[in-house]
N, C-alpha and C. Protein backbone atom coordinates (compact mmCIF):
# COMPACT_ATOMS: atom_id res chain seq x y z
N MET A 1 -4.42 -2.91 13.26
CA MET A 1 -4.35 -1.63 12.49
C MET A 1 -3.47 -0.63 13.15
N ALA A 2 -2.62 -0.03 12.48
CA ALA A 2 -1.68 0.92 13.08
C ALA A 2 -2.39 2.22 13.35
N ASP A 3 -2.10 2.82 14.58
CA ASP A 3 -2.59 4.15 14.87
C ASP A 3 -1.45 5.06 14.94
N GLN A 4 -1.67 6.34 15.29
CA GLN A 4 -0.52 7.29 15.33
C GLN A 4 0.55 6.93 16.26
N ASP A 5 0.19 6.30 17.42
CA ASP A 5 1.24 5.90 18.38
C ASP A 5 2.15 4.78 17.77
N ASP A 6 1.53 3.88 17.03
CA ASP A 6 2.34 2.80 16.30
C ASP A 6 3.24 3.39 15.33
N ILE A 7 2.70 4.43 14.53
CA ILE A 7 3.54 5.05 13.55
C ILE A 7 4.64 5.81 14.21
N ASP A 8 4.36 6.59 15.23
CA ASP A 8 5.43 7.30 15.97
C ASP A 8 6.43 6.37 16.48
N ALA A 9 6.06 5.21 17.07
CA ALA A 9 7.01 4.26 17.61
C ALA A 9 7.89 3.67 16.50
N MET A 10 7.33 3.45 15.29
CA MET A 10 8.10 2.93 14.25
C MET A 10 9.22 3.87 13.88
N PHE A 11 8.93 5.24 13.95
CA PHE A 11 9.90 6.21 13.54
C PHE A 11 10.54 6.88 14.74
N GLY A 12 10.40 6.34 15.90
CA GLY A 12 11.15 6.85 17.07
C GLY A 12 10.74 8.22 17.59
N GLU A 13 9.47 8.55 17.47
CA GLU A 13 8.99 9.79 17.93
C GLU A 13 7.87 9.67 18.93
N ALA A 14 8.08 8.98 19.99
CA ALA A 14 7.12 8.72 21.03
C ALA A 14 6.80 9.96 21.86
N GLY A 15 5.54 10.23 22.19
CA GLY A 15 5.13 11.17 23.15
C GLY A 15 5.59 12.63 22.85
N GLY A 16 5.73 13.03 21.64
CA GLY A 16 5.99 14.43 21.28
C GLY A 16 7.34 14.81 21.80
N ALA A 17 8.39 13.93 21.67
CA ALA A 17 9.72 14.27 22.13
C ALA A 17 10.21 15.46 21.46
N ASN A 18 11.16 16.22 22.10
CA ASN A 18 11.75 17.35 21.54
C ASN A 18 12.73 16.97 20.43
N PRO A 19 12.46 17.52 19.22
CA PRO A 19 13.28 17.07 18.05
C PRO A 19 14.76 17.34 18.29
N ALA A 20 15.09 18.41 19.05
CA ALA A 20 16.50 18.74 19.24
C ALA A 20 17.19 17.60 20.09
N LYS A 21 16.46 16.89 20.93
CA LYS A 21 17.01 15.84 21.74
C LYS A 21 16.70 14.48 21.15
N ALA A 22 16.03 14.40 20.07
CA ALA A 22 15.67 13.13 19.40
C ALA A 22 16.96 12.45 18.87
N ALA A 23 16.84 11.13 18.73
CA ALA A 23 17.90 10.34 18.15
C ALA A 23 18.19 10.82 16.75
N PRO A 24 19.40 10.70 16.26
CA PRO A 24 19.73 11.14 14.86
C PRO A 24 18.87 10.43 13.87
N GLU A 25 18.46 9.15 14.10
CA GLU A 25 17.63 8.42 13.16
C GLU A 25 16.29 9.12 13.06
N ALA A 26 15.73 9.57 14.20
CA ALA A 26 14.41 10.22 14.17
C ALA A 26 14.47 11.52 13.35
N MET A 27 15.55 12.28 13.54
CA MET A 27 15.67 13.53 12.78
C MET A 27 15.83 13.28 11.30
N GLU A 28 16.55 12.20 10.97
CA GLU A 28 16.72 11.92 9.55
C GLU A 28 15.46 11.49 8.93
N ILE A 29 14.63 10.74 9.55
CA ILE A 29 13.41 10.26 8.94
C ILE A 29 12.44 11.41 8.73
N SER A 30 12.42 12.41 9.59
CA SER A 30 11.48 13.57 9.41
C SER A 30 11.78 14.32 8.12
N ALA A 31 12.97 14.12 7.53
CA ALA A 31 13.29 14.83 6.26
C ALA A 31 12.53 14.25 5.11
N VAL A 32 11.96 13.07 5.26
CA VAL A 32 11.25 12.48 4.13
C VAL A 32 9.73 12.60 4.23
N TYR A 33 9.23 13.18 5.29
CA TYR A 33 7.74 13.18 5.51
C TYR A 33 6.97 13.82 4.31
N ASP A 34 7.59 14.75 3.64
CA ASP A 34 6.82 15.36 2.57
C ASP A 34 7.12 14.80 1.22
N THR A 35 7.90 13.76 1.18
CA THR A 35 8.20 13.03 -0.11
C THR A 35 6.95 12.30 -0.55
N GLU A 36 6.62 12.38 -1.83
CA GLU A 36 5.49 11.66 -2.40
C GLU A 36 5.96 10.24 -2.84
N VAL A 37 5.12 9.30 -2.64
CA VAL A 37 5.42 7.91 -3.08
C VAL A 37 4.21 7.39 -3.91
N GLU A 38 4.48 6.52 -4.81
CA GLU A 38 3.43 5.88 -5.58
C GLU A 38 2.73 4.75 -4.84
N VAL A 39 1.43 4.79 -4.74
CA VAL A 39 0.66 3.74 -4.10
C VAL A 39 -0.19 3.00 -5.21
N SER A 40 -0.10 1.70 -5.25
CA SER A 40 -0.78 0.89 -6.22
C SER A 40 -1.53 -0.16 -5.42
N VAL A 41 -2.68 -0.61 -6.03
CA VAL A 41 -3.43 -1.71 -5.32
C VAL A 41 -3.60 -2.82 -6.47
N VAL A 42 -3.16 -3.98 -6.12
CA VAL A 42 -3.25 -5.12 -7.05
C VAL A 42 -4.46 -5.94 -6.75
N LEU A 43 -5.43 -5.92 -7.69
CA LEU A 43 -6.68 -6.66 -7.52
C LEU A 43 -6.47 -8.16 -7.72
N GLY A 44 -5.50 -8.51 -8.53
CA GLY A 44 -5.21 -9.87 -8.87
C GLY A 44 -4.31 -9.93 -10.11
N THR A 45 -3.87 -11.13 -10.44
CA THR A 45 -3.04 -11.32 -11.59
C THR A 45 -3.58 -12.46 -12.49
N SER A 46 -3.09 -12.45 -13.69
CA SER A 46 -3.42 -13.52 -14.63
C SER A 46 -2.27 -13.70 -15.64
N THR A 47 -2.13 -14.92 -16.12
CA THR A 47 -1.11 -15.22 -17.15
C THR A 47 -1.85 -15.68 -18.39
N ILE A 48 -1.59 -15.01 -19.50
CA ILE A 48 -2.21 -15.42 -20.82
C ILE A 48 -1.11 -15.49 -21.88
N ARG A 49 -1.39 -16.26 -22.88
CA ARG A 49 -0.47 -16.34 -24.02
C ARG A 49 -0.55 -15.02 -24.85
N VAL A 50 0.58 -14.68 -25.48
CA VAL A 50 0.61 -13.53 -26.34
C VAL A 50 -0.48 -13.59 -27.40
N ARG A 51 -0.62 -14.80 -27.99
CA ARG A 51 -1.60 -14.87 -29.06
C ARG A 51 -3.03 -14.54 -28.59
N ASP A 52 -3.28 -14.92 -27.26
CA ASP A 52 -4.59 -14.64 -26.69
C ASP A 52 -4.71 -13.16 -26.36
N LEU A 53 -3.58 -12.56 -25.88
CA LEU A 53 -3.56 -11.17 -25.60
C LEU A 53 -3.87 -10.33 -26.83
N LEU A 54 -3.29 -10.66 -27.95
CA LEU A 54 -3.50 -9.99 -29.21
C LEU A 54 -4.92 -10.09 -29.68
N LYS A 55 -5.72 -11.14 -29.24
CA LYS A 55 -7.11 -11.26 -29.65
C LYS A 55 -8.07 -10.41 -28.80
N LEU A 56 -7.63 -9.86 -27.69
CA LEU A 56 -8.41 -9.12 -26.77
C LEU A 56 -8.94 -7.83 -27.48
N GLY A 57 -10.16 -7.53 -27.33
CA GLY A 57 -10.77 -6.32 -27.84
C GLY A 57 -11.71 -5.69 -26.84
N ARG A 58 -12.34 -4.65 -27.20
CA ARG A 58 -13.26 -3.91 -26.33
C ARG A 58 -14.29 -4.92 -25.81
N GLY A 59 -14.48 -4.94 -24.48
CA GLY A 59 -15.42 -5.83 -23.80
C GLY A 59 -14.87 -7.18 -23.45
N ALA A 60 -13.54 -7.41 -23.75
CA ALA A 60 -12.94 -8.67 -23.45
C ALA A 60 -12.79 -8.73 -21.87
N ILE A 61 -12.85 -9.98 -21.41
CA ILE A 61 -12.77 -10.14 -19.93
C ILE A 61 -11.53 -11.08 -19.65
N VAL A 62 -10.65 -10.55 -18.76
CA VAL A 62 -9.55 -11.32 -18.27
C VAL A 62 -9.77 -11.74 -16.79
N GLU A 63 -9.88 -13.01 -16.56
CA GLU A 63 -10.11 -13.46 -15.18
C GLU A 63 -8.83 -13.36 -14.41
N LEU A 64 -9.00 -12.96 -13.12
CA LEU A 64 -7.83 -12.82 -12.20
C LEU A 64 -7.84 -13.96 -11.25
N ASP A 65 -6.73 -14.11 -10.48
CA ASP A 65 -6.59 -15.23 -9.61
C ASP A 65 -7.18 -15.02 -8.23
N ARG A 66 -7.93 -13.97 -8.02
CA ARG A 66 -8.54 -13.72 -6.66
C ARG A 66 -10.03 -13.74 -6.77
N LYS A 67 -10.70 -13.95 -5.68
CA LYS A 67 -12.15 -13.90 -5.49
C LYS A 67 -12.52 -12.44 -5.20
N ILE A 68 -13.76 -12.12 -5.45
CA ILE A 68 -14.21 -10.77 -5.30
C ILE A 68 -14.14 -10.24 -3.88
N ASP A 69 -14.17 -11.18 -2.85
CA ASP A 69 -14.05 -10.74 -1.47
C ASP A 69 -12.65 -10.89 -0.90
N ASP A 70 -11.73 -11.32 -1.70
CA ASP A 70 -10.31 -11.40 -1.21
C ASP A 70 -9.72 -9.97 -1.02
N LEU A 71 -8.81 -9.86 -0.08
CA LEU A 71 -8.09 -8.61 0.05
C LEU A 71 -7.10 -8.36 -1.09
N SER A 72 -6.90 -7.13 -1.40
CA SER A 72 -5.93 -6.79 -2.52
C SER A 72 -4.60 -6.35 -1.88
N ASP A 73 -3.54 -6.57 -2.64
CA ASP A 73 -2.22 -6.15 -2.12
C ASP A 73 -2.06 -4.64 -2.35
N ILE A 74 -1.49 -3.98 -1.30
CA ILE A 74 -1.23 -2.52 -1.36
C ILE A 74 0.28 -2.37 -1.49
N ILE A 75 0.67 -1.74 -2.59
CA ILE A 75 2.12 -1.65 -2.95
C ILE A 75 2.48 -0.16 -2.89
N VAL A 76 3.60 0.16 -2.10
CA VAL A 76 4.15 1.54 -2.04
C VAL A 76 5.55 1.49 -2.62
N SER A 77 5.78 2.25 -3.61
CA SER A 77 7.07 2.33 -4.28
C SER A 77 7.60 0.92 -4.54
N GLY A 78 6.81 0.07 -5.06
CA GLY A 78 7.26 -1.29 -5.48
C GLY A 78 7.31 -2.33 -4.35
N ARG A 79 6.96 -1.93 -3.11
CA ARG A 79 7.08 -2.90 -2.04
C ARG A 79 5.67 -3.08 -1.39
N MET A 80 5.31 -4.32 -1.12
CA MET A 80 4.04 -4.57 -0.48
C MET A 80 4.07 -4.16 0.99
N VAL A 81 3.13 -3.28 1.36
CA VAL A 81 3.05 -2.81 2.73
C VAL A 81 1.82 -3.30 3.50
N GLY A 82 0.91 -3.90 2.76
CA GLY A 82 -0.25 -4.39 3.43
C GLY A 82 -1.33 -4.88 2.41
N ARG A 83 -2.42 -5.18 3.01
CA ARG A 83 -3.55 -5.65 2.21
C ARG A 83 -4.80 -4.88 2.61
N GLY A 84 -5.70 -4.73 1.62
CA GLY A 84 -6.92 -3.97 1.88
C GLY A 84 -8.06 -4.37 1.14
N GLU A 85 -9.23 -3.74 1.45
CA GLU A 85 -10.49 -4.03 0.82
C GLU A 85 -10.80 -2.90 -0.16
N VAL A 86 -11.10 -3.24 -1.45
CA VAL A 86 -11.43 -2.23 -2.39
C VAL A 86 -12.84 -1.73 -2.06
N THR A 87 -13.02 -0.42 -2.13
CA THR A 87 -14.34 0.24 -1.84
C THR A 87 -14.52 1.41 -2.79
N ILE A 88 -15.61 2.12 -2.63
CA ILE A 88 -15.95 3.27 -3.39
C ILE A 88 -16.08 4.47 -2.41
N VAL A 89 -15.45 5.55 -2.74
CA VAL A 89 -15.66 6.83 -1.98
C VAL A 89 -16.07 7.89 -2.99
N GLU A 90 -17.31 8.37 -2.80
CA GLU A 90 -17.97 9.17 -3.76
C GLU A 90 -17.92 8.50 -5.15
N ASP A 91 -17.24 9.04 -6.12
CA ASP A 91 -17.16 8.39 -7.42
C ASP A 91 -15.79 7.83 -7.74
N LYS A 92 -14.93 7.60 -6.68
CA LYS A 92 -13.65 7.09 -6.88
C LYS A 92 -13.44 5.74 -6.23
N ILE A 93 -12.50 4.93 -6.80
CA ILE A 93 -12.18 3.64 -6.23
C ILE A 93 -11.17 3.99 -5.15
N ALA A 94 -11.32 3.25 -4.01
CA ALA A 94 -10.50 3.53 -2.79
C ALA A 94 -10.12 2.15 -2.26
N VAL A 95 -9.25 2.15 -1.24
CA VAL A 95 -8.89 0.92 -0.53
C VAL A 95 -8.86 1.24 1.01
N THR A 96 -9.39 0.30 1.75
CA THR A 96 -9.45 0.40 3.20
C THR A 96 -8.37 -0.57 3.68
N PHE A 97 -7.33 -0.11 4.37
CA PHE A 97 -6.33 -0.95 4.93
C PHE A 97 -6.88 -1.90 5.95
N ARG A 98 -6.59 -3.20 5.80
CA ARG A 98 -7.07 -4.24 6.73
C ARG A 98 -5.91 -4.98 7.42
N GLU A 99 -4.74 -5.06 6.70
CA GLU A 99 -3.62 -5.73 7.26
C GLU A 99 -2.35 -4.92 6.88
N PHE A 100 -1.39 -4.90 7.79
CA PHE A 100 -0.12 -4.28 7.52
C PHE A 100 0.96 -5.29 7.44
N ALA A 101 1.84 -5.24 6.49
CA ALA A 101 2.98 -6.15 6.35
C ALA A 101 3.97 -5.84 7.43
N ARG A 102 4.69 -6.85 7.86
CA ARG A 102 5.74 -6.70 8.87
C ARG A 102 6.88 -6.05 8.17
N ILE A 103 7.48 -5.05 8.76
CA ILE A 103 8.70 -4.34 8.23
C ILE A 103 9.88 -4.99 8.85
N ASN A 104 10.70 -5.57 7.95
CA ASN A 104 12.04 -6.21 8.50
C ASN A 104 13.19 -5.41 8.01
N GLY A 105 13.84 -4.83 9.09
CA GLY A 105 15.09 -4.07 8.90
C GLY A 105 15.20 -3.51 7.56
């Protein structure tokens, strides 16, 4: 699991370095810190025929390809960044990160 040191290392900001002396890449990445991104969690997928889709009504059940205890994919801006466990926080659905995807260039 990534902690703040791992995140800082990924973005070139180890040990509270002076931003004025930081590499240009580190200064450029700080410009996006306040940008909002869409986060989605994929519980599973299913393929059905259109004729069967049109028959679905209230209470219909569509079975997905994952088991209840399988980790779900965490997608940020269309890219899978990790996998997590679906949970409940108060009255909302949430996800606990369990695995992080490798970031390749």
